[in-house]
Amino acid sequence: MEIQGLPGRLLAALGPAIASGELPEGTVLRAEELEQQHGVSRTVVREAVRILESMRMVEPRRRVGTTVRPKADWDVFDPLVIRWRLAGADRSAQLRSLGSLRVAVEPAAAALAARCADDDDRRELSALAVELTVTARAADLESFLAHDIAFHAAVLRASGNEMFAHLKDTVGAVLTGRTEHHLMPHRPREYAVQLHRDVAEAICAGDPERAERAMRTIVVGALEELDATLPD
């Protein structure tokens, strides 16, 4: 989700500051101060604060004002919250947490997709597997990332489980974060691309065991690579 205009600019300042702890739990965000500091109107402040409230990062308190909530209350599945946390000192913990989520969900989603995918799903996955191969060989990381996000979203959607499908933006955010923070190789590894082709082929063949096994190898491998790269 991209927030445009002045509310987006204010949100881009406040969100990372809260996520990084620069504005810690209990900080009171006063509208008058935000207007002066950021040169925006009261309407812009209200809109940005409303979005932060929807993420459960802040809450209005009577006689106090808008207050930063504890991290445990935040909507940690929100793609913007993920992006802000990845941009700060919380990056390692965030990536490991998201990696563990992927290990728990995506292999099961691949197995379900092998049982539930329709012809459109199969065509989409096959086409995306080809695009991943082409862009990997060209070392076109930007296009590869777009196809990778689309591939994993397609698997989640093809599972037929609406709760799995709803995680597509969360998975997309971690894939984007890995690339933006230079945690991916300059050229995608051939064995990883082959595993994506294996997932697509297994889903198209209606082979849940093979689909689950290939997807598990992808997500476990990604988590192990992160553990080897990230500081403790």
Protein backbone atom coordinates (compact mmCIF):
# COMPACT_ATOMS: atom_id res chain seq x y z
CA MET A 1 0.00 0.00 0.00
CA GLU A 2 1.42 3.36 -1.05
CA ILE A 3 0.01 6.50 0.59
CA GLN A 4 0.24 9.44 -1.78
CA GLY A 5 0.59 13.19 -1.27
CA LEU A 6 1.29 15.06 1.94
CA PRO A 7 -0.27 12.39 4.20
CA GLY A 8 2.08 9.88 2.61
CA ARG A 9 5.10 12.12 3.23
CA LEU A 10 4.15 12.61 6.87
CA LEU A 11 3.49 8.89 7.27
CA ALA A 12 6.91 8.16 5.74
CA ALA A 13 8.44 10.24 8.53
CA LEU A 14 6.35 9.05 11.47
CA GLY A 15 6.08 5.34 10.63
CA PRO A 16 9.82 4.56 10.50
CA ALA A 17 10.41 6.75 13.58
CA ILE A 18 7.90 4.69 15.56
CA ALA A 19 9.14 1.37 14.14
CA SER A 20 12.77 2.18 14.98
CA GLY A 21 12.00 3.31 18.52
CA GLU A 22 12.95 6.92 17.81
CA LEU A 23 9.38 7.65 18.92
CA PRO A 24 9.08 5.02 21.65
CA GLU A 25 6.04 3.53 23.32
CA GLY A 26 4.12 6.17 25.23
CA THR A 27 5.24 9.10 23.07
CA VAL A 28 2.40 11.59 22.58
CA LEU A 29 1.98 12.88 19.03
CA ARG A 30 0.55 16.40 19.28
CA ALA A 31 -1.14 17.73 16.17
CA GLU A 32 0.14 21.28 16.63
CA GLU A 33 3.75 20.11 16.91
CA LEU A 34 3.46 17.83 13.87
CA GLU A 35 1.99 20.68 11.83
CA GLN A 36 4.91 22.94 12.71
CA GLN A 37 7.65 20.33 12.39
CA HIS A 38 6.51 19.02 9.01
CA GLY A 39 4.84 22.10 7.53
CA VAL A 40 1.49 20.42 6.95
CA SER A 41 -2.14 21.17 7.73
CA ARG A 42 -4.29 19.74 10.50
CA THR A 43 -6.17 17.70 7.87
CA VAL A 44 -2.93 16.05 6.71
CA VAL A 45 -1.98 15.23 10.30
CA ARG A 46 -5.38 13.69 10.96
CA GLU A 47 -5.17 11.52 7.84
CA ALA A 48 -1.66 10.25 8.66
CA VAL A 49 -2.61 9.56 12.27
CA ARG A 50 -5.77 7.76 11.15
CA ILE A 51 -3.65 5.39 9.06
CA LEU A 52 -1.27 4.77 11.98
CA GLU A 53 -4.30 4.02 14.15
CA SER A 54 -5.51 1.47 11.58
CA MET A 55 -2.12 -0.24 11.96
CA ARG A 56 -2.55 -0.15 15.74
CA MET A 57 0.73 1.73 16.11
CA VAL A 58 -0.95 4.66 17.90
CA GLU A 59 -4.16 5.22 19.80
CA PRO A 60 -6.11 8.29 20.99
CA ARG A 61 -6.25 8.73 24.75
CA ARG A 62 -8.62 11.13 26.45
CA ARG A 63 -6.89 14.10 28.06
CA VAL A 64 -3.55 12.82 26.77
CA GLY A 65 -3.58 12.75 22.98
CA THR A 66 -2.48 10.33 20.30
CA THR A 67 -0.01 7.95 21.93
CA VAL A 68 2.43 5.40 20.49
CA ARG A 69 1.33 1.87 21.38
CA PRO A 70 3.56 -1.05 22.45
CA LYS A 71 5.13 -3.03 19.62
CA ALA A 72 3.14 -6.09 20.70
CA ASP A 73 -0.06 -4.29 19.63
CA TRP A 74 1.04 -3.41 16.08
CA ASP A 75 -0.45 -5.00 12.98
CA VAL A 76 2.78 -6.80 12.12
CA PHE A 77 1.28 -8.24 8.91
CA ASP A 78 0.75 -4.79 7.41
CA PRO A 79 3.20 -4.37 4.49
CA LEU A 80 4.09 -0.81 5.53
CA VAL A 81 4.84 -1.88 9.10
CA ILE A 82 7.05 -4.64 7.69
CA ARG A 83 8.83 -2.18 5.41
CA TRP A 84 9.45 0.28 8.25
CA ARG A 85 10.79 -2.42 10.53
CA LEU A 86 13.07 -3.71 7.78
CA ALA A 87 14.49 -0.21 7.36
CA GLY A 88 15.54 0.03 11.01
CA ALA A 89 17.51 -1.74 13.70
CA ASP A 90 14.77 -4.38 13.95
CA ARG A 91 15.64 -5.74 10.49
CA SER A 92 17.25 -9.02 11.54
CA ALA A 93 14.46 -10.00 13.93
CA GLN A 94 11.83 -9.01 11.37
CA LEU A 95 13.39 -11.06 8.57
CA ARG A 96 13.81 -14.11 10.77
CA SER A 97 10.22 -13.83 11.99
CA LEU A 98 8.88 -13.53 8.45
CA GLY A 99 11.13 -16.36 7.28
CA SER A 100 9.69 -18.63 9.95
CA LEU A 101 6.17 -17.65 8.90
CA ARG A 102 6.95 -18.59 5.31
CA VAL A 103 8.31 -21.98 6.39
CA ALA A 104 5.08 -22.65 8.28
CA VAL A 105 2.68 -21.51 5.55
CA GLU A 106 4.06 -21.73 2.02
CA PRO A 107 4.81 -25.48 1.81
CA ALA A 108 1.27 -26.23 2.99
CA ALA A 109 -0.10 -23.73 0.49
CA ALA A 110 1.85 -25.41 -2.33
CA ALA A 111 0.46 -28.82 -1.38
CA LEU A 112 -3.09 -27.44 -1.33
CA ALA A 113 -2.50 -25.72 -4.66
CA ALA A 114 -1.55 -29.06 -6.22
CA ARG A 115 -4.99 -30.30 -5.17
CA CYS A 116 -7.07 -27.19 -5.80
CA ALA A 117 -5.49 -25.18 -8.63
CA ASP A 118 -7.64 -24.63 -11.71
CA ASP A 119 -6.44 -24.31 -15.30
CA ASP A 120 -5.93 -20.54 -15.02
CA ASP A 121 -3.78 -21.01 -11.91
CA ARG A 122 -1.67 -23.64 -13.65
CA ARG A 123 -1.16 -21.48 -16.73
CA GLU A 124 -0.17 -18.51 -14.58
CA LEU A 125 2.35 -20.50 -12.52
CA SER A 126 3.87 -22.07 -15.62
CA ALA A 127 4.25 -18.67 -17.28
CA LEU A 128 5.77 -17.13 -14.15
CA ALA A 129 8.25 -20.01 -13.84
CA VAL A 130 9.42 -19.24 -17.38
CA GLU A 131 9.68 -15.51 -16.61
CA LEU A 132 11.72 -16.26 -13.48
CA THR A 133 14.12 -18.35 -15.54
CA VAL A 134 14.54 -15.67 -18.21
CA THR A 135 15.03 -12.76 -15.81
CA ALA A 136 17.39 -14.76 -13.59
CA ARG A 137 19.64 -15.59 -16.54
CA ALA A 138 19.60 -11.92 -17.55
CA ALA A 139 20.46 -10.90 -13.97
CA ASP A 140 17.50 -8.50 -14.13
CA LEU A 141 16.83 -8.33 -10.39
CA GLU A 142 14.01 -5.79 -10.64
CA SER A 143 11.98 -7.92 -13.05
CA PHE A 144 12.95 -11.11 -11.22
CA LEU A 145 11.62 -9.66 -7.97
CA ALA A 146 8.30 -8.71 -9.59
CA HIS A 147 7.89 -12.22 -11.02
CA ASP A 148 8.97 -13.84 -7.74
CA ILE A 149 6.36 -11.86 -5.78
CA ALA A 150 3.71 -12.78 -8.36
CA PHE A 151 4.74 -16.46 -8.25
CA HIS A 152 4.44 -16.80 -4.48
CA ALA A 153 1.17 -14.84 -4.47
CA ALA A 154 -0.19 -17.17 -7.15
CA VAL A 155 0.70 -20.25 -5.09
CA LEU A 156 -0.99 -18.80 -2.00
CA ARG A 157 -4.09 -17.90 -4.03
CA ALA A 158 -4.20 -21.27 -5.82
CA SER A 159 -4.27 -23.02 -2.45
CA GLY A 160 -7.96 -22.13 -2.23
CA ASN A 161 -7.42 -21.00 1.37
CA GLU A 162 -8.43 -17.36 1.72
CA MET A 163 -6.30 -16.89 4.83
CA PHE A 164 -3.20 -18.11 3.01
CA ALA A 165 -4.08 -15.90 0.04
CA HIS A 166 -4.35 -12.89 2.35
CA LEU A 167 -0.65 -13.27 3.21
CA LYS A 168 0.48 -12.42 -0.33
CA ASP A 169 1.34 -8.81 0.57
CA THR A 170 3.24 -9.97 3.64
CA VAL A 171 5.33 -12.40 1.60
CA GLY A 172 5.78 -9.74 -1.08
CA ALA A 173 7.07 -7.30 1.53
CA VAL A 174 9.77 -9.67 2.77
CA LEU A 175 10.85 -10.56 -0.78
CA THR A 176 11.10 -6.86 -1.56
CA GLY A 177 12.98 -6.15 1.66
CA ARG A 178 15.57 -8.83 0.94
CA THR A 179 16.32 -7.21 -2.42
CA GLU A 180 16.21 -3.59 -1.24
CA HIS A 181 18.60 -4.31 1.62
CA HIS A 182 21.03 -6.24 -0.60
CA LEU A 183 20.45 -9.63 0.99
CA MET A 184 20.02 -11.35 -2.36
CA PRO A 185 22.85 -12.47 -4.68
CA HIS A 186 23.55 -10.25 -7.70
CA ARG A 187 22.33 -13.08 -9.93
CA PRO A 188 19.57 -15.44 -8.67
CA ARG A 189 20.97 -18.92 -8.11
CA GLU A 190 20.03 -21.49 -10.72
CA TYR A 191 19.09 -24.14 -8.17
CA ALA A 192 16.60 -21.73 -6.55
CA VAL A 193 15.05 -20.94 -9.93
CA GLN A 194 14.86 -24.66 -10.68
CA LEU A 195 13.01 -25.19 -7.40
CA HIS A 196 10.41 -22.63 -8.47
CA ARG A 197 9.99 -24.54 -11.74
CA ASP A 198 9.63 -27.74 -9.67
CA VAL A 199 6.85 -26.16 -7.61
CA ALA A 200 5.00 -25.06 -10.74
CA GLU A 201 5.40 -28.45 -12.42
CA ALA A 202 4.24 -30.32 -9.31
CA ILE A 203 1.16 -28.13 -8.93
CA CYS A 204 0.34 -28.54 -12.61
CA ALA A 205 0.77 -32.31 -12.27
CA GLY A 206 -1.43 -32.47 -9.17
CA ASP A 207 1.44 -33.80 -7.03
CA PRO A 208 1.02 -32.29 -3.53
CA GLU A 209 3.96 -34.12 -1.94
CA ARG A 210 6.42 -32.90 -4.56
CA ALA A 211 4.98 -29.36 -4.48
CA GLU A 212 5.27 -29.19 -0.70
CA ARG A 213 8.80 -30.62 -0.74
CA ALA A 214 10.07 -28.17 -3.37
CA MET A 215 8.47 -25.15 -1.68
CA ARG A 216 9.83 -26.20 1.70
CA THR A 217 13.32 -26.37 0.21
CA ILE A 218 12.87 -22.83 -1.15
CA VAL A 219 11.70 -21.22 2.07
CA VAL A 220 13.96 -23.17 4.44
CA GLY A 221 16.92 -22.36 2.20
CA ALA A 222 15.99 -18.66 2.21
CA LEU A 223 15.80 -18.65 6.01
CA GLU A 224 19.14 -20.45 6.34
CA GLU A 225 20.76 -17.93 3.99
CA LEU A 226 19.39 -15.08 6.08
CA ASP A 227 20.68 -16.67 9.29
CA ALA A 228 24.13 -16.94 7.72
CA THR A 229 24.06 -13.30 6.55
CA LEU A 230 22.34 -11.39 9.33
CA PRO A 231 23.97 -10.37 12.60
CA ASP A 232 22.77 -12.08 15.78
